[in-house]
Amino acid sequence: MSLVSVIIPTFNRAKFIEQTLDSVFAQTYSPLEIIVVDNGSTDGTVQKLEPFKDRIIVAHEPKSGMGGAHARNRGLDAATGDFVAFLDSDDLWMPTKIEKQVKFLEKHPDFGWCYTDLIGFDSDSGRDLYQYSQTRTMHSGMAIQQAFIQIFTPLSTLLIRKDVMAKVGRFWPTPKGTDAELVIRLAAEAPVGFLPEVLARYRVHEDSVTGTISGQQAFEAGKRVKERAVELFPEQLAPMLDDALGSVATAVGLNLLKHGQKREARQMFSKAISHKSADLKNYFYFLSTFLNPSTLQSLNQRRKNL
């Protein structure tokens, strides 16, 4: 059977790392090479890994503060599998995830990588919050333009052939957006397959990386990713840069609105309109920042029914 290298970067995830590892140990597929890369944790994460040292490979990457880029690259250096999978140290896999993905790629040799659907859940209550495929369009085949406009493949759902990963190269060392940037390069290199089944769970909690930066910082991070992609693939992506930046502003604005930050969300939706003036949704989102939650919910339901 093909060996699958599972790379888990971690930084101060003592509360969650054991549950994350348990979801990997519960996989119905073997063999697995489990590589945990500690990014300079100070909360006892490394001590939590001790009981599992005969089942995992523990590596250390001292360059903290750069998101997961350096840690994932350190994991890639250690990986020897035929396939590579990434899992954030607070997320979870369903037991059949790797088995179903390996079978898919073995059955479809033309696909270089694949991904699955995902559920976001509240860390405190365990309540399901959203299903990823219901928030955006999923894609299969060659999808560089789709990946450029809006990321459709959460990193913890990917399984990638080793030779494709070797051609694409390492993670771009940027503090935010390194996963989105990699997905664009993957989409440029090989066709992707989508398995329409929820096989991963994304933990939403107050310490999530995506919730620790301001809206403007999030937009600038997304902008850097888009501009880098245009540098790499100018003929394919340069004409779409405005649309891509508009999508970044919309996504950031919706996240701000969800957390009640109406003023900053309004600024993001205004920015989105400046980039994508023909997208009527952004005008609705902009106006919604002036409304109270009950009125907004009522109008949003009417919009969906149109």
C-alpha atoms as a PDB file:
ATOM      1  CA  MET A   1       0.000   0.000   0.000  1.00  0.00           C
ATOM      2  CA  SER A   2       1.087   3.562  -0.676  1.00  0.00           C
ATOM      3  CA  LEU A   3       2.571   5.487   2.235  1.00  0.00           C
ATOM      4  CA  VAL A   4       0.801   8.747   3.143  1.00  0.00           C
ATOM      5  CA  SER A   5       2.809  11.462   4.905  1.00  0.00           C
ATOM      6  CA  VAL A   6       0.629  13.520   7.267  1.00  0.00           C
ATOM      7  CA  ILE A   7       2.167  16.889   8.152  1.00  0.00           C
ATOM      8  CA  ILE A   8       0.795  18.662  11.242  1.00  0.00           C
ATOM      9  CA  PRO A   9       2.287  22.073  12.078  1.00  0.00           C
ATOM     10  CA  THR A  10       1.542  23.211  15.623  1.00  0.00           C
ATOM     11  CA  PHE A  11       2.019  26.268  17.782  1.00  0.00           C
ATOM     12  CA  ASN A  12       0.546  26.491  21.288  1.00  0.00           C
ATOM     13  CA  ARG A  13      -2.173  23.927  20.683  1.00  0.00           C
ATOM     14  CA  ALA A  14      -1.866  21.925  23.916  1.00  0.00           C
ATOM     15  CA  LYS A  15      -5.670  22.065  24.291  1.00  0.00           C
ATOM     16  CA  PHE A  16      -6.339  20.453  20.930  1.00  0.00           C
ATOM     17  CA  ILE A  17      -3.335  18.472  19.667  1.00  0.00           C
ATOM     18  CA  GLU A  18      -4.320  15.184  21.322  1.00  0.00           C
ATOM     19  CA  GLN A  19      -7.786  15.216  19.756  1.00  0.00           C
ATOM     20  CA  THR A  20      -6.294  16.095  16.382  1.00  0.00           C
ATOM     21  CA  LEU A  21      -3.830  13.201  16.605  1.00  0.00           C
ATOM     22  CA  ASP A  22      -6.587  10.826  17.722  1.00  0.00           C
ATOM     23  CA  SER A  23      -8.484  11.648  14.520  1.00  0.00           C
ATOM     24  CA  VAL A  24      -5.388  10.640  12.523  1.00  0.00           C
ATOM     25  CA  PHE A  25      -4.826   7.448  14.535  1.00  0.00           C
ATOM     26  CA  ALA A  26      -8.479   6.553  13.848  1.00  0.00           C
ATOM     27  CA  GLN A  27      -7.971   6.540  10.070  1.00  0.00           C
ATOM     28  CA  THR A  28      -9.108   3.366   8.338  1.00  0.00           C
ATOM     29  CA  TYR A  29      -6.140   3.645   5.983  1.00  0.00           C
ATOM     30  CA  SER A  30      -2.565   2.632   6.690  1.00  0.00           C
ATOM     31  CA  PRO A  31       0.377   3.045   6.445  1.00  0.00           C
ATOM     32  CA  LEU A  32       0.640   6.639   7.662  1.00  0.00           C
ATOM     33  CA  GLU A  33       3.775   8.625   8.381  1.00  0.00           C
ATOM     34  CA  ILE A  34       2.698  11.260  10.927  1.00  0.00           C
ATOM     35  CA  ILE A  35       5.022  14.257  11.165  1.00  0.00           C
ATOM     36  CA  VAL A  36       4.273  16.879  13.836  1.00  0.00           C
ATOM     37  CA  VAL A  37       6.320  20.065  13.509  1.00  0.00           C
ATOM     38  CA  ASP A  38       6.369  22.268  16.589  1.00  0.00           C
ATOM     39  CA  ASN A  39       6.739  25.944  15.724  1.00  0.00           C
ATOM     40  CA  GLY A  40       8.174  27.085  19.060  1.00  0.00           C
ATOM     41  CA  SER A  41       5.254  26.320  21.411  1.00  0.00           C
ATOM     42  CA  THR A  42       5.425  27.611  24.992  1.00  0.00           C
ATOM     43  CA  ASP A  43       2.190  26.162  26.408  1.00  0.00           C
ATOM     44  CA  GLY A  44       3.135  22.518  26.945  1.00  0.00           C
ATOM     45  CA  THR A  45       2.283  21.310  23.444  1.00  0.00           C
ATOM     46  CA  VAL A  46       5.587  19.437  23.152  1.00  0.00           C
ATOM     47  CA  GLN A  47       4.930  17.626  26.445  1.00  0.00           C
ATOM     48  CA  LYS A  48       1.505  16.577  25.152  1.00  0.00           C
ATOM     49  CA  LEU A  49       3.272  14.810  22.267  1.00  0.00           C
ATOM     50  CA  GLU A  50       5.431  12.632  24.534  1.00  0.00           C
ATOM     51  CA  PRO A  51       2.954   9.731  24.942  1.00  0.00           C
ATOM     52  CA  PHE A  52       2.760   9.401  21.144  1.00  0.00           C
ATOM     53  CA  LYS A  53       6.490   9.466  20.355  1.00  0.00           C
ATOM     54  CA  ASP A  54       6.456   5.824  19.178  1.00  0.00           C
ATOM     55  CA  ARG A  55       3.669   6.611  16.674  1.00  0.00           C
ATOM     56  CA  ILE A  56       4.729   9.996  15.325  1.00  0.00           C
ATOM     57  CA  ILE A  57       7.793  11.874  14.124  1.00  0.00           C
ATOM     58  CA  VAL A  58       8.345  15.120  16.042  1.00  0.00           C
ATOM     59  CA  ALA A  59      10.346  17.878  14.376  1.00  0.00           C
ATOM     60  CA  HIS A  60      11.063  21.394  15.570  1.00  0.00           C
ATOM     61  CA  GLU A  61      11.035  24.587  13.542  1.00  0.00           C
ATOM     62  CA  PRO A  62      12.249  27.637  15.491  1.00  0.00           C
ATOM     63  CA  LYS A  63      11.043  30.256  12.993  1.00  0.00           C
ATOM     64  CA  SER A  64       7.803  31.091  14.770  1.00  0.00           C
ATOM     65  CA  GLY A  65       5.686  34.055  13.734  1.00  0.00           C
ATOM     66  CA  MET A  66       5.468  33.046  10.057  1.00  0.00           C
ATOM     67  CA  GLY A  67       2.207  31.172  10.195  1.00  0.00           C
ATOM     68  CA  GLY A  68       2.602  27.537   9.256  1.00  0.00           C
ATOM     69  CA  ALA A  69       4.850  28.056   6.209  1.00  0.00           C
ATOM     70  CA  HIS A  70       8.219  27.173   7.741  1.00  0.00           C
ATOM     71  CA  ALA A  71       6.721  24.368   9.834  1.00  0.00           C
ATOM     72  CA  ARG A  72       5.027  22.782   6.829  1.00  0.00           C
ATOM     73  CA  ASN A  73       8.215  23.094   4.803  1.00  0.00           C
ATOM     74  CA  ARG A  74      10.101  21.380   7.618  1.00  0.00           C
ATOM     75  CA  GLY A  75       7.513  18.615   7.459  1.00  0.00           C
ATOM     76  CA  LEU A  76       7.942  18.297   3.703  1.00  0.00           C
ATOM     77  CA  ASP A  77      11.690  17.881   4.204  1.00  0.00           C
ATOM     78  CA  ALA A  78      11.003  14.891   6.453  1.00  0.00           C
ATOM     79  CA  ALA A  79       8.189  13.339   4.383  1.00  0.00           C
ATOM     80  CA  THR A  80       8.884  10.102   2.488  1.00  0.00           C
ATOM     81  CA  GLY A  81       5.344   9.128   1.466  1.00  0.00           C
ATOM     82  CA  ASP A  82       3.809   8.622  -1.968  1.00  0.00           C
ATOM     83  CA  PHE A  83       1.108  11.111  -0.988  1.00  0.00           C
ATOM     84  CA  VAL A  84       1.155  14.194   1.257  1.00  0.00           C
ATOM     85  CA  ALA A  85      -1.670  15.457   3.469  1.00  0.00           C
ATOM     86  CA  PHE A  86      -1.760  18.502   5.745  1.00  0.00           C
ATOM     87  CA  LEU A  87      -3.748  18.871   8.952  1.00  0.00           C
ATOM     88  CA  ASP A  88      -3.856  21.910  11.209  1.00  0.00           C
ATOM     89  CA  SER A  89      -3.295  20.986  14.839  1.00  0.00           C
ATOM     90  CA  ASP A  90      -6.750  22.099  15.962  1.00  0.00           C
ATOM     91  CA  ASP A  91      -8.717  20.459  13.136  1.00  0.00           C
ATOM     92  CA  LEU A  92     -10.059  16.924  12.807  1.00  0.00           C
ATOM     93  CA  TRP A  93     -10.435  14.227  10.165  1.00  0.00           C
ATOM     94  CA  MET A  94     -13.261  11.759   9.754  1.00  0.00           C
ATOM     95  CA  PRO A  95     -12.020   8.131   9.948  1.00  0.00           C
ATOM     96  CA  THR A  96     -12.348   7.315   6.232  1.00  0.00           C
ATOM     97  CA  LYS A  97     -10.802  10.517   4.842  1.00  0.00           C
ATOM     98  CA  ILE A  98      -7.426   9.211   3.743  1.00  0.00           C
ATOM     99  CA  GLU A  99      -8.781   5.843   2.590  1.00  0.00           C
ATOM    100  CA  LYS A 100     -11.331   7.449   0.284  1.00  0.00           C
ATOM    101  CA  GLN A 101      -8.882   9.986  -1.098  1.00  0.00           C
ATOM    102  CA  VAL A 102      -6.183   7.410  -1.852  1.00  0.00           C
ATOM    103  CA  LYS A 103      -8.759   5.245  -3.630  1.00  0.00           C
ATOM    104  CA  PHE A 104      -9.906   8.259  -5.634  1.00  0.00           C
ATOM    105  CA  LEU A 105      -6.413   9.178  -6.811  1.00  0.00           C
ATOM    106  CA  GLU A 106      -5.536   5.558  -7.585  1.00  0.00           C
ATOM    107  CA  LYS A 107      -8.706   5.289  -9.663  1.00  0.00           C
ATOM    108  CA  HIS A 108      -8.085   8.638 -11.400  1.00  0.00           C
ATOM    109  CA  PRO A 109      -4.381   8.799 -12.344  1.00  0.00           C
ATOM    110  CA  ASP A 110      -4.882  12.022 -14.308  1.00  0.00           C
ATOM    111  CA  PHE A 111      -5.697  13.943 -11.116  1.00  0.00           C
ATOM    112  CA  GLY A 112      -2.688  15.229  -9.198  1.00  0.00           C
ATOM    113  CA  TRP A 113      -4.540  16.073  -6.005  1.00  0.00           C
ATOM    114  CA  CYS A 114      -7.975  15.977  -4.435  1.00  0.00           C
ATOM    115  CA  TYR A 115      -9.984  17.528  -1.621  1.00  0.00           C
ATOM    116  CA  THR A 116     -13.177  16.927   0.336  1.00  0.00           C
ATOM    117  CA  ASP A 117     -15.994  18.880   1.892  1.00  0.00           C
ATOM    118  CA  LEU A 118     -15.614  20.236   5.420  1.00  0.00           C
ATOM    119  CA  ILE A 119     -17.747  21.285   8.391  1.00  0.00           C
ATOM    120  CA  GLY A 120     -16.839  24.263  10.571  1.00  0.00           C
ATOM    121  CA  PHE A 121     -17.769  23.676  14.204  1.00  0.00           C
ATOM    122  CA  ASP A 122     -17.779  25.687  17.420  1.00  0.00           C
ATOM    123  CA  SER A 123     -14.963  24.546  19.682  1.00  0.00           C
ATOM    124  CA  ASP A 124     -16.827  25.150  22.942  1.00  0.00           C
ATOM    125  CA  SER A 125     -20.197  23.587  22.136  1.00  0.00           C
ATOM    126  CA  GLY A 126     -19.238  21.227  19.319  1.00  0.00           C
ATOM    127  CA  ARG A 127     -22.143  22.666  17.312  1.00  0.00           C
ATOM    128  CA  ASP A 128     -21.862  22.606  13.522  1.00  0.00           C
ATOM    129  CA  LEU A 129     -21.686  26.154  12.130  1.00  0.00           C
ATOM    130  CA  TYR A 130     -21.443  25.763   8.366  1.00  0.00           C
ATOM    131  CA  GLN A 131     -20.640  23.359   5.552  1.00  0.00           C
ATOM    132  CA  TYR A 132     -17.880  24.581   3.276  1.00  0.00           C
ATOM    133  CA  SER A 133     -19.530  23.551  -0.002  1.00  0.00           C
ATOM    134  CA  GLN A 134     -22.566  25.665   0.909  1.00  0.00           C
ATOM    135  CA  THR A 135     -20.466  28.826   1.193  1.00  0.00           C
ATOM    136  CA  ARG A 136     -18.788  28.691  -2.232  1.00  0.00           C
ATOM    137  CA  THR A 137     -18.548  26.736  -5.471  1.00  0.00           C
ATOM    138  CA  MET A 138     -16.463  23.560  -5.513  1.00  0.00           C
ATOM    139  CA  HIS A 139     -14.369  22.801  -8.608  1.00  0.00           C
ATOM    140  CA  SER A 140     -12.773  19.815 -10.334  1.00  0.00           C
ATOM    141  CA  GLY A 141     -10.295  19.614 -13.224  1.00  0.00           C
ATOM    142  CA  MET A 142      -7.883  22.401 -14.132  1.00  0.00           C
ATOM    143  CA  ALA A 143      -8.962  25.263 -11.898  1.00  0.00           C
ATOM    144  CA  ILE A 144      -6.232  27.897 -11.636  1.00  0.00           C
ATOM    145  CA  GLN A 145      -8.565  30.784 -12.401  1.00  0.00           C
ATOM    146  CA  GLN A 146     -11.151  29.558  -9.908  1.00  0.00           C
ATOM    147  CA  ALA A 147      -8.501  29.128  -7.206  1.00  0.00           C
ATOM    148  CA  PHE A 148      -7.203  32.620  -7.958  1.00  0.00           C
ATOM    149  CA  ILE A 149     -10.600  34.272  -7.531  1.00  0.00           C
ATOM    150  CA  GLN A 150     -11.597  32.395  -4.372  1.00  0.00           C
ATOM    151  CA  ILE A 151      -9.930  29.542  -2.531  1.00  0.00           C
ATOM    152  CA  PHE A 152     -12.175  26.480  -2.659  1.00  0.00           C
ATOM    153  CA  THR A 153      -9.908  23.906  -1.017  1.00  0.00           C
ATOM    154  CA  PRO A 154      -9.270  24.087   2.743  1.00  0.00           C
ATOM    155  CA  LEU A 155      -5.742  22.851   3.398  1.00  0.00           C
ATOM    156  CA  SER A 156      -6.779  20.191   5.909  1.00  0.00           C
ATOM    157  CA  THR A 157      -8.873  18.461   3.234  1.00  0.00           C
ATOM    158  CA  LEU A 158      -6.100  18.004   0.638  1.00  0.00           C
ATOM    159  CA  LEU A 159      -4.306  14.855  -0.482  1.00  0.00           C
ATOM    160  CA  ILE A 160      -1.494  15.488  -2.989  1.00  0.00           C
ATOM    161  CA  ARG A 161       0.677  13.143  -5.029  1.00  0.00           C
ATOM    162  CA  LYS A 162       4.309  13.412  -3.959  1.00  0.00           C
ATOM    163  CA  ASP A 163       5.546  14.105  -7.494  1.00  0.00           C
ATOM    164  CA  VAL A 164       3.042  16.938  -7.917  1.00  0.00           C
ATOM    165  CA  MET A 165       4.088  18.457  -4.587  1.00  0.00           C
ATOM    166  CA  ALA A 166       7.730  18.213  -5.681  1.00  0.00           C
ATOM    167  CA  LYS A 167       6.978  20.119  -8.884  1.00  0.00           C
ATOM    168  CA  VAL A 168       4.940  22.793  -7.108  1.00  0.00           C
ATOM    169  CA  GLY A 169       7.588  23.359  -4.475  1.00  0.00           C
ATOM    170  CA  ARG A 170       7.577  24.586  -0.910  1.00  0.00           C
ATOM    171  CA  PHE A 171       5.217  26.874   0.953  1.00  0.00           C
ATOM    172  CA  TRP A 172       5.748  30.567   0.388  1.00  0.00           C
ATOM    173  CA  PRO A 173       7.084  31.983   3.705  1.00  0.00           C
ATOM    174  CA  THR A 174       4.481  34.629   4.394  1.00  0.00           C
ATOM    175  CA  PRO A 175       2.724  35.145   7.756  1.00  0.00           C
ATOM    176  CA  LYS A 176      -0.806  34.880   6.301  1.00  0.00           C
ATOM    177  CA  GLY A 177      -2.244  33.300   3.175  1.00  0.00           C
ATOM    178  CA  THR A 178       0.440  30.683   2.571  1.00  0.00           C
ATOM    179  CA  ASP A 179      -2.195  27.959   2.100  1.00  0.00           C
ATOM    180  CA  ALA A 180      -4.146  29.964  -0.475  1.00  0.00           C
ATOM    181  CA  GLU A 181      -0.954  30.701  -2.391  1.00  0.00           C
ATOM    182  CA  LEU A 182      -0.033  27.007  -2.515  1.00  0.00           C
ATOM    183  CA  VAL A 183      -3.500  26.066  -3.782  1.00  0.00           C
ATOM    184  CA  ILE A 184      -3.110  28.442  -6.736  1.00  0.00           C
ATOM    185  CA  ARG A 185       0.201  26.807  -7.694  1.00  0.00           C
ATOM    186  CA  LEU A 186      -1.312  23.339  -7.299  1.00  0.00           C
ATOM    187  CA  ALA A 187      -4.237  24.333  -9.503  1.00  0.00           C
ATOM    188  CA  ALA A 188      -1.799  25.560 -12.148  1.00  0.00           C
ATOM    189  CA  GLU A 189       0.182  22.306 -12.069  1.00  0.00           C
ATOM    190  CA  ALA A 190      -2.405  19.516 -12.131  1.00  0.00           C
ATOM    191  CA  PRO A 191      -6.145  18.774 -12.286  1.00  0.00           C
ATOM    192  CA  VAL A 192      -7.920  18.529  -8.948  1.00  0.00           C
ATOM    193  CA  GLY A 193     -10.725  16.187  -7.913  1.00  0.00           C
ATOM    194  CA  PHE A 194     -13.488  16.959  -5.416  1.00  0.00           C
ATOM    195  CA  LEU A 195     -14.983  14.289  -3.155  1.00  0.00           C
ATOM    196  CA  PRO A 196     -18.438  15.645  -2.201  1.00  0.00           C
ATOM    197  CA  GLU A 197     -18.428  14.260   1.316  1.00  0.00           C
ATOM    198  CA  VAL A 198     -17.664  15.887   4.663  1.00  0.00           C
ATOM    199  CA  LEU A 199     -14.418  14.216   5.720  1.00  0.00           C
ATOM    200  CA  ALA A 200     -12.830  16.996   7.809  1.00  0.00           C
ATOM    201  CA  ARG A 201     -13.878  19.339  10.590  1.00  0.00           C
ATOM    202  CA  TYR A 202     -12.540  22.872  11.075  1.00  0.00           C
ATOM    203  CA  ARG A 203     -12.455  24.104  14.661  1.00  0.00           C
ATOM    204  CA  VAL A 204     -13.689  27.677  15.180  1.00  0.00           C
ATOM    205  CA  HIS A 205     -12.340  29.212  18.392  1.00  0.00           C
ATOM    206  CA  GLU A 206     -11.076  32.524  19.723  1.00  0.00           C
ATOM    207  CA  ASP A 207      -7.439  31.610  19.107  1.00  0.00           C
ATOM    208  CA  SER A 208      -7.933  30.714  15.438  1.00  0.00           C
ATOM    209  CA  VAL A 209      -5.257  32.355  13.296  1.00  0.00           C
ATOM    210  CA  THR A 210      -7.864  33.873  10.990  1.00  0.00           C
ATOM    211  CA  GLY A 211      -9.456  35.680  13.923  1.00  0.00           C
ATOM    212  CA  THR A 212      -6.334  37.327  15.320  1.00  0.00           C
ATOM    213  CA  ILE A 213      -5.701  40.027  12.710  1.00  0.00           C
ATOM    214  CA  SER A 214      -7.578  43.152  11.651  1.00  0.00           C
ATOM    215  CA  GLY A 215      -9.666  43.402   8.521  1.00  0.00           C
ATOM    216  CA  GLN A 216      -7.094  45.579   6.770  1.00  0.00           C
ATOM    217  CA  GLN A 217      -4.316  43.154   7.670  1.00  0.00           C
ATOM    218  CA  ALA A 218      -6.383  40.280   6.306  1.00  0.00           C
ATOM    219  CA  PHE A 219      -7.039  42.184   3.081  1.00  0.00           C
ATOM    220  CA  GLU A 220      -3.364  43.072   2.641  1.00  0.00           C
ATOM    221  CA  ALA A 221      -2.404  39.418   3.192  1.00  0.00           C
ATOM    222  CA  GLY A 222      -4.879  38.324   0.541  1.00  0.00           C
ATOM    223  CA  LYS A 223      -3.672  41.052  -1.804  1.00  0.00           C
ATOM    224  CA  ARG A 224      -0.066  39.858  -1.479  1.00  0.00           C
ATOM    225  CA  VAL A 225      -1.142  36.333  -2.418  1.00  0.00           C
ATOM    226  CA  LYS A 226      -3.029  37.547  -5.503  1.00  0.00           C
ATOM    227  CA  GLU A 227      -0.190  39.785  -6.661  1.00  0.00           C
ATOM    228  CA  ARG A 228       2.333  36.973  -6.255  1.00  0.00           C
ATOM    229  CA  ALA A 229       0.110  34.674  -8.300  1.00  0.00           C
ATOM    230  CA  VAL A 230      -0.046  37.282 -11.077  1.00  0.00           C
ATOM    231  CA  GLU A 231       3.753  37.449 -11.047  1.00  0.00           C
ATOM    232  CA  LEU A 232       3.941  33.670 -11.470  1.00  0.00           C
ATOM    233  CA  PHE A 233       1.152  33.302 -14.046  1.00  0.00           C
ATOM    234  CA  PRO A 234       0.703  36.735 -15.681  1.00  0.00           C
ATOM    235  CA  GLU A 235      -1.011  35.677 -18.904  1.00  0.00           C
ATOM    236  CA  GLN A 236      -3.655  33.624 -17.123  1.00  0.00           C
ATOM    237  CA  LEU A 237      -4.291  35.772 -14.077  1.00  0.00           C
ATOM    238  CA  ALA A 238      -3.388  39.423 -14.669  1.00  0.00           C
ATOM    239  CA  PRO A 239      -6.737  40.259 -16.356  1.00  0.00           C
ATOM    240  CA  MET A 240      -8.563  38.844 -13.318  1.00  0.00           C
ATOM    241  CA  LEU A 241      -6.717  40.726 -10.579  1.00  0.00           C
ATOM    242  CA  ASP A 242      -9.495  43.253  -9.905  1.00  0.00           C
ATOM    243  CA  ASP A 243     -12.085  40.491  -9.512  1.00  0.00           C
ATOM    244  CA  ALA A 244      -9.761  38.558  -7.208  1.00  0.00           C
ATOM    245  CA  LEU A 245      -9.124  41.586  -4.978  1.00  0.00           C
ATOM    246  CA  GLY A 246     -12.858  42.251  -4.863  1.00  0.00           C
ATOM    247  CA  SER A 247     -13.425  38.693  -3.684  1.00  0.00           C
ATOM    248  CA  VAL A 248     -10.808  39.129  -0.951  1.00  0.00           C
ATOM    249  CA  ALA A 249     -12.494  42.323   0.280  1.00  0.00           C
ATOM    250  CA  THR A 250     -15.921  40.647   0.272  1.00  0.00           C
ATOM    251  CA  ALA A 251     -14.685  37.649   2.236  1.00  0.00           C
ATOM    252  CA  VAL A 252     -12.959  39.840   4.817  1.00  0.00           C
ATOM    253  CA  GLY A 253     -16.020  42.071   5.097  1.00  0.00           C
ATOM    254  CA  LEU A 254     -18.340  39.125   5.712  1.00  0.00           C
ATOM    255  CA  ASN A 255     -16.053  37.811   8.442  1.00  0.00           C
ATOM    256  CA  LEU A 256     -16.007  41.233  10.105  1.00  0.00           C
ATOM    257  CA  LEU A 257     -19.781  41.530   9.842  1.00  0.00           C
ATOM    258  CA  LYS A 258     -20.193  38.081  11.403  1.00  0.00           C
ATOM    259  CA  HIS A 259     -18.223  39.328  14.409  1.00  0.00           C
ATOM    260  CA  GLY A 260     -20.249  42.540  14.692  1.00  0.00           C
ATOM    261  CA  GLN A 261     -17.511  44.867  13.411  1.00  0.00           C
ATOM    262  CA  LYS A 262     -19.852  46.848  11.167  1.00  0.00           C
ATOM    263  CA  ARG A 263     -17.740  49.935  10.561  1.00  0.00           C
ATOM    264  CA  GLU A 264     -14.689  47.985   9.413  1.00  0.00           C
ATOM    265  CA  ALA A 265     -16.921  45.636   7.405  1.00  0.00           C
ATOM    266  CA  ARG A 266     -18.468  48.651   5.651  1.00  0.00           C
ATOM    267  CA  GLN A 267     -14.995  49.794   4.601  1.00  0.00           C
ATOM    268  CA  MET A 268     -14.257  46.355   3.176  1.00  0.00           C
ATOM    269  CA  PHE A 269     -17.498  46.189   1.207  1.00  0.00           C
ATOM    270  CA  SER A 270     -16.788  49.657  -0.173  1.00  0.00           C
ATOM    271  CA  LYS A 271     -13.389  48.373  -1.267  1.00  0.00           C
ATOM    272  CA  ALA A 272     -15.060  45.318  -2.823  1.00  0.00           C
ATOM    273  CA  ILE A 273     -17.406  47.577  -4.814  1.00  0.00           C
ATOM    274  CA  SER A 274     -14.449  49.584  -6.098  1.00  0.00           C
ATOM    275  CA  HIS A 275     -12.934  46.377  -7.496  1.00  0.00           C
ATOM    276  CA  LYS A 276     -16.134  44.603  -8.582  1.00  0.00           C
ATOM    277  CA  SER A 277     -18.716  47.321  -9.260  1.00  0.00           C
ATOM    278  CA  ALA A 278     -20.974  44.931 -11.195  1.00  0.00           C
ATOM    279  CA  ASP A 279     -21.384  42.513  -8.300  1.00  0.00           C
ATOM    280  CA  LEU A 280     -24.688  43.525  -6.715  1.00  0.00           C
ATOM    281  CA  LYS A 281     -24.113  41.386  -3.623  1.00  0.00           C
ATOM    282  CA  ASN A 282     -21.499  43.825  -2.398  1.00  0.00           C
ATOM    283  CA  TYR A 283     -24.024  46.684  -2.427  1.00  0.00           C
ATOM    284  CA  PHE A 284     -26.381  44.560  -0.327  1.00  0.00           C
ATOM    285  CA  TYR A 285     -23.577  43.716   2.083  1.00  0.00           C
ATOM    286  CA  PHE A 286     -22.594  47.391   2.319  1.00  0.00           C
ATOM    287  CA  LEU A 287     -26.160  48.465   3.172  1.00  0.00           C
ATOM    288  CA  SER A 288     -26.492  45.620   5.661  1.00  0.00           C
ATOM    289  CA  THR A 289     -23.823  47.212   7.875  1.00  0.00           C
ATOM    290  CA  PHE A 290     -26.348  49.948   8.755  1.00  0.00           C
ATOM    291  CA  LEU A 291     -29.063  47.481   9.848  1.00  0.00           C
ATOM    292  CA  ASN A 292     -29.797  45.747  13.130  1.00  0.00           C
ATOM    293  CA  PRO A 293     -29.323  41.925  13.195  1.00  0.00           C
ATOM    294  CA  SER A 294     -33.034  40.987  12.974  1.00  0.00           C
ATOM    295  CA  THR A 295     -33.676  43.237   9.986  1.00  0.00           C
ATOM    296  CA  LEU A 296     -30.520  41.984   8.310  1.00  0.00           C
ATOM    297  CA  GLN A 297     -31.534  38.355   8.808  1.00  0.00           C
ATOM    298  CA  SER A 298     -34.977  39.023   7.304  1.00  0.00           C
ATOM    299  CA  LEU A 299     -33.558  40.815   4.270  1.00  0.00           C
ATOM    300  CA  ASN A 300     -30.896  38.190   3.757  1.00  0.00           C
ATOM    301  CA  GLN A 301     -33.543  35.455   3.686  1.00  0.00           C
ATOM    302  CA  ARG A 302     -35.538  37.404   1.106  1.00  0.00           C
ATOM    303  CA  ARG A 303     -32.408  37.853  -1.008  1.00  0.00           C
ATOM    304  CA  LYS A 304     -31.797  34.091  -0.986  1.00  0.00           C
ATOM    305  CA  ASN A 305     -35.363  33.479  -2.118  1.00  0.00           C
ATOM    306  CA  LEU A 306     -35.111  35.808  -5.113  1.00  0.00           C
END
